[in-house]
N, C-alpha and C. Protein backbone atom coordinates (compact mmCIF):
# COMPACT_ATOMS: atom_id res chain seq x y z
N MET A 1 3.28 -55.20 -17.73
CA MET A 1 2.13 -56.03 -17.52
C MET A 1 2.11 -56.48 -16.06
N ARG A 2 0.94 -56.50 -15.50
CA ARG A 2 0.81 -56.89 -14.09
C ARG A 2 0.99 -58.40 -13.92
N LEU A 3 1.44 -58.79 -12.76
CA LEU A 3 1.69 -60.20 -12.47
C LEU A 3 0.44 -61.04 -12.65
N SER A 4 -0.72 -60.55 -12.25
CA SER A 4 -1.95 -61.31 -12.40
C SER A 4 -2.25 -61.60 -13.87
N GLU A 5 -1.96 -60.66 -14.75
CA GLU A 5 -2.16 -60.86 -16.18
C GLU A 5 -1.17 -61.89 -16.74
N ILE A 6 0.05 -61.82 -16.25
CA ILE A 6 1.09 -62.76 -16.67
C ILE A 6 0.72 -64.18 -16.23
N GLU A 7 0.25 -64.32 -15.00
CA GLU A 7 -0.16 -65.63 -14.50
C GLU A 7 -1.33 -66.18 -15.31
N LYS A 8 -2.27 -65.33 -15.68
CA LYS A 8 -3.42 -65.74 -16.49
C LYS A 8 -2.94 -66.27 -17.85
N LYS A 9 -2.02 -65.56 -18.47
CA LYS A 9 -1.48 -65.99 -19.77
C LYS A 9 -0.75 -67.32 -19.61
N ALA A 10 0.01 -67.46 -18.54
CA ALA A 10 0.76 -68.69 -18.30
C ALA A 10 -0.18 -69.87 -18.13
N ARG A 11 -1.24 -69.69 -17.36
CA ARG A 11 -2.20 -70.77 -17.15
C ARG A 11 -2.88 -71.15 -18.46
N ALA A 12 -3.16 -70.16 -19.30
CA ALA A 12 -3.77 -70.44 -20.61
C ALA A 12 -2.85 -71.28 -21.50
N LEU A 13 -1.56 -71.18 -21.26
CA LEU A 13 -0.58 -71.96 -22.02
C LEU A 13 -0.30 -73.33 -21.37
N GLY A 14 -0.97 -73.60 -20.25
CA GLY A 14 -0.80 -74.88 -19.58
C GLY A 14 0.29 -74.91 -18.54
N ILE A 15 0.82 -73.75 -18.18
CA ILE A 15 1.87 -73.69 -17.15
C ILE A 15 1.20 -73.77 -15.79
N LYS A 16 1.61 -74.73 -15.00
CA LYS A 16 1.00 -74.97 -13.69
C LYS A 16 1.82 -74.30 -12.58
N ASP A 17 1.18 -74.13 -11.43
CA ASP A 17 1.83 -73.58 -10.24
C ASP A 17 2.53 -72.25 -10.51
N THR A 18 1.83 -71.33 -11.14
CA THR A 18 2.42 -70.05 -11.51
C THR A 18 2.91 -69.26 -10.30
N TRP A 19 2.35 -69.54 -9.14
CA TRP A 19 2.73 -68.82 -7.94
C TRP A 19 4.17 -69.12 -7.50
N LYS A 20 4.74 -70.19 -8.03
CA LYS A 20 6.10 -70.59 -7.65
C LYS A 20 7.17 -69.71 -8.30
N TYR A 21 6.81 -68.98 -9.35
CA TYR A 21 7.79 -68.25 -10.15
C TYR A 21 7.78 -66.76 -9.85
N SER A 22 8.94 -66.15 -9.96
CA SER A 22 9.01 -64.69 -9.92
C SER A 22 8.46 -64.18 -11.24
N LYS A 23 8.17 -62.89 -11.35
CA LYS A 23 7.67 -62.32 -12.59
C LYS A 23 8.64 -62.60 -13.73
N LYS A 24 9.90 -62.37 -13.50
CA LYS A 24 10.94 -62.58 -14.51
C LYS A 24 10.97 -64.04 -14.97
N ASP A 25 10.99 -64.97 -14.03
CA ASP A 25 11.07 -66.39 -14.37
C ASP A 25 9.80 -66.89 -15.06
N LEU A 26 8.65 -66.36 -14.66
CA LEU A 26 7.40 -66.77 -15.28
C LEU A 26 7.34 -66.29 -16.74
N ILE A 27 7.79 -65.09 -16.98
CA ILE A 27 7.83 -64.58 -18.36
C ILE A 27 8.78 -65.43 -19.20
N LYS A 28 9.93 -65.78 -18.65
CA LYS A 28 10.87 -66.61 -19.39
C LYS A 28 10.27 -67.99 -19.67
N LYS A 29 9.51 -68.54 -18.74
CA LYS A 29 8.85 -69.83 -18.94
C LYS A 29 7.80 -69.71 -20.05
N ILE A 30 7.05 -68.61 -20.07
CA ILE A 30 6.07 -68.37 -21.13
C ILE A 30 6.77 -68.28 -22.48
N GLN A 31 7.86 -67.51 -22.53
CA GLN A 31 8.60 -67.37 -23.79
C GLN A 31 9.03 -68.73 -24.32
N LYS A 32 9.58 -69.55 -23.46
CA LYS A 32 10.06 -70.87 -23.87
C LYS A 32 8.90 -71.76 -24.31
N THR A 33 7.79 -71.72 -23.58
CA THR A 33 6.61 -72.52 -23.93
C THR A 33 6.07 -72.13 -25.29
N GLU A 34 6.15 -70.85 -25.63
CA GLU A 34 5.68 -70.37 -26.93
C GLU A 34 6.66 -70.65 -28.06
N GLY A 35 7.83 -71.18 -27.72
CA GLY A 35 8.83 -71.50 -28.74
C GLY A 35 9.74 -70.33 -29.08
N ASN A 36 9.80 -69.36 -28.19
CA ASN A 36 10.66 -68.18 -28.39
C ASN A 36 11.91 -68.27 -27.53
N PHE A 37 12.82 -67.35 -27.74
CA PHE A 37 13.98 -67.24 -26.86
C PHE A 37 13.50 -66.87 -25.47
N ASP A 38 14.04 -67.51 -24.45
CA ASP A 38 13.69 -67.15 -23.07
C ASP A 38 14.70 -66.12 -22.56
N CYS A 39 14.60 -64.92 -23.13
CA CYS A 39 15.62 -63.90 -22.93
C CYS A 39 15.17 -62.72 -22.07
N PHE A 40 13.99 -62.78 -21.47
CA PHE A 40 13.48 -61.64 -20.72
C PHE A 40 14.50 -61.18 -19.67
N ALA A 41 14.71 -59.88 -19.63
CA ALA A 41 15.59 -59.22 -18.65
C ALA A 41 17.08 -59.51 -18.88
N THR A 42 17.44 -59.91 -20.10
CA THR A 42 18.86 -60.13 -20.39
C THR A 42 19.42 -59.08 -21.34
N ALA A 43 18.55 -58.32 -22.01
CA ALA A 43 19.01 -57.30 -22.96
C ALA A 43 19.58 -56.09 -22.22
N ILE A 44 20.59 -55.50 -22.81
CA ILE A 44 21.18 -54.29 -22.25
C ILE A 44 21.07 -53.19 -23.29
N ASN A 45 20.06 -52.32 -23.14
CA ASN A 45 19.82 -51.16 -24.00
C ASN A 45 19.43 -51.48 -25.45
N PHE A 46 19.36 -52.74 -25.83
CA PHE A 46 18.99 -53.08 -27.20
C PHE A 46 18.35 -54.46 -27.23
N CYS A 47 17.32 -54.58 -28.06
CA CYS A 47 16.67 -55.86 -28.26
C CYS A 47 16.24 -55.96 -29.72
N SER A 48 16.61 -57.03 -30.38
CA SER A 48 16.27 -57.21 -31.79
C SER A 48 14.90 -57.86 -31.98
N GLN A 49 14.25 -58.25 -30.89
CA GLN A 49 12.95 -58.92 -30.96
C GLN A 49 11.83 -57.87 -30.92
N ASN A 50 11.63 -57.18 -32.04
CA ASN A 50 10.69 -56.06 -32.09
C ASN A 50 9.23 -56.45 -31.85
N ASP A 51 8.85 -57.68 -32.15
CA ASP A 51 7.46 -58.10 -31.99
C ASP A 51 7.19 -58.80 -30.66
N CYS A 52 8.14 -58.80 -29.78
CA CYS A 52 8.00 -59.48 -28.50
C CYS A 52 6.99 -58.76 -27.60
N LEU A 53 6.08 -59.53 -27.02
CA LEU A 53 5.07 -58.99 -26.11
C LEU A 53 5.69 -58.34 -24.87
N TRP A 54 6.84 -58.79 -24.49
CA TRP A 54 7.48 -58.35 -23.23
C TRP A 54 8.53 -57.26 -23.44
N ARG A 55 8.73 -56.81 -24.66
CA ARG A 55 9.83 -55.91 -25.01
C ARG A 55 9.88 -54.65 -24.14
N ILE A 56 8.76 -53.99 -23.97
CA ILE A 56 8.74 -52.74 -23.19
C ILE A 56 9.11 -52.99 -21.75
N ASP A 57 8.50 -54.01 -21.14
CA ASP A 57 8.83 -54.36 -19.74
C ASP A 57 10.30 -54.75 -19.61
N CYS A 58 10.80 -55.46 -20.59
CA CYS A 58 12.17 -55.96 -20.55
C CYS A 58 13.18 -54.82 -20.60
N LEU A 59 12.98 -53.90 -21.52
CA LEU A 59 13.95 -52.82 -21.69
C LEU A 59 13.82 -51.72 -20.64
N HIS A 60 12.69 -51.68 -19.95
CA HIS A 60 12.48 -50.64 -18.93
C HIS A 60 12.49 -51.20 -17.51
N ARG A 61 13.19 -52.28 -17.31
CA ARG A 61 13.27 -52.86 -15.97
C ARG A 61 14.27 -52.16 -15.11
């Protein structure tokens, strides 16, 4: 997902100053705001969160 799309999603969730965050940190902030594990970019070859919006980006980083 492109950074502009991620920032748009973050703003819709009420996250302010999205420009302050890296892509990785912004996704983790979104995950936490949604009540999910803030685990983006921590998986190594496996992720049990099959319904995660970020799964493809996370495993192919």
